[in-house]
């Protein structure tokens, strides 16, 4: 699947009903597109919750919108990991 196909069909890929089975990498790219464009905040609530979850687990990076509003706990997790590595 091309980058354009992923972007054009990101919602279908995220929901799992796209006409062909997406790879894990394609699914992550689709979610990152939904995060980057802010679409995940305009759709049903589970899209936003899943976006926060994927960022928290390190699969996706937070958008500026997420950073500005403090959505997610990636910063706390990152600081905890850095602190435990120093010990």
Protein backbone atom coordinates (compact mmCIF):
# COMPACT_ATOMS: atom_id res chain seq x y z
CA UNK A 1 0.00 0.00 0.00
CA UNK A 2 1.39 3.42 -0.89
CA UNK A 3 1.70 6.32 1.57
CA UNK A 4 -1.14 8.12 -0.24
CA UNK A 5 -3.39 5.06 0.01
CA UNK A 6 -2.69 4.85 3.73
CA UNK A 7 -3.54 8.52 4.25
CA UNK A 8 -6.68 8.39 2.11
CA UNK A 9 -7.95 5.28 3.90
CA UNK A 10 -6.62 5.85 7.43
CA UNK A 11 -10.02 5.56 9.13
CA UNK A 12 -10.87 2.32 7.32
CA UNK A 13 -7.44 0.90 8.15
CA UNK A 14 -7.73 1.93 11.81
CA UNK A 15 -11.17 0.35 12.09
CA UNK A 16 -10.03 -2.80 10.29
CA UNK A 17 -12.49 -2.75 7.41
CA UNK A 18 -10.22 -1.61 4.59
CA UNK A 19 -10.60 -3.81 1.50
CA UNK A 20 -7.16 -5.42 1.93
CA UNK A 21 -5.52 -6.47 5.17
CA UNK A 22 -3.08 -3.80 6.31
CA UNK A 23 0.28 -4.75 7.75
CA UNK A 24 1.17 -3.65 11.28
CA UNK A 25 3.43 -0.96 9.83
CA UNK A 26 0.59 0.34 7.63
CA UNK A 27 -1.76 0.41 10.61
CA UNK A 28 0.75 2.44 12.63
CA UNK A 29 1.22 4.85 9.71
CA UNK A 30 -2.57 5.23 9.42
CA UNK A 31 -2.86 6.01 13.15
CA UNK A 32 0.04 8.46 12.95
CA UNK A 33 -1.78 10.23 10.10
CA UNK A 34 -4.96 10.44 12.21
CA UNK A 35 -2.91 11.89 15.08
CA UNK A 36 -0.96 14.34 12.90
CA UNK A 37 -4.06 15.68 11.17
CA UNK A 38 -6.21 15.77 14.31
CA UNK A 39 -8.84 13.50 12.76
CA UNK A 40 -8.65 11.15 15.73
CA UNK A 41 -10.14 13.92 17.92
CA UNK A 42 -13.05 14.53 15.52
CA UNK A 43 -14.20 10.92 15.28
CA UNK A 44 -15.75 8.61 17.88
CA UNK A 45 -14.14 8.74 21.30
CA UNK A 46 -12.26 5.48 20.99
CA UNK A 47 -10.12 6.94 18.19
CA UNK A 48 -8.71 9.55 20.58
CA UNK A 49 -8.25 7.04 23.37
CA UNK A 50 -6.45 4.65 21.02
CA UNK A 51 -4.25 7.49 19.76
CA UNK A 52 -3.20 8.32 23.34
CA UNK A 53 -2.59 4.63 23.99
CA UNK A 54 -0.43 4.20 20.86
CA UNK A 55 1.64 7.26 21.75
CA UNK A 56 1.98 6.07 25.34
CA UNK A 57 3.27 2.71 24.14
CA UNK A 58 5.76 4.35 21.78
CA UNK A 59 4.20 3.18 18.51
CA UNK A 60 3.30 6.74 17.43
CA UNK A 61 4.63 10.20 18.26
CA UNK A 62 2.44 12.87 19.84
CA UNK A 63 1.12 15.73 17.76
CA UNK A 64 1.56 19.33 18.89
CA UNK A 65 -2.14 19.28 19.83
CA UNK A 66 -1.49 16.41 22.25
CA UNK A 67 1.60 18.06 23.71
CA UNK A 68 -0.15 21.42 24.20
CA UNK A 69 -3.05 19.78 26.04
CA UNK A 70 -1.03 17.24 28.00
CA UNK A 71 -2.85 14.30 26.46
CA UNK A 72 -1.08 11.09 27.39
CA UNK A 73 1.64 10.09 29.79
CA UNK A 74 4.57 9.56 27.42
CA UNK A 75 6.69 12.27 29.09
CA UNK A 76 6.30 10.70 32.54
CA UNK A 77 7.13 7.25 31.17
CA UNK A 78 10.17 8.59 29.36
CA UNK A 79 11.46 10.32 32.51
CA UNK A 80 10.89 7.17 34.58
CA UNK A 81 12.84 5.08 32.05
CA UNK A 82 15.71 7.57 32.03
CA UNK A 83 15.75 7.60 35.83
CA UNK A 84 15.82 3.80 36.08
CA UNK A 85 18.67 3.59 33.54
CA UNK A 86 20.84 5.84 35.73
CA UNK A 87 20.54 3.55 38.74
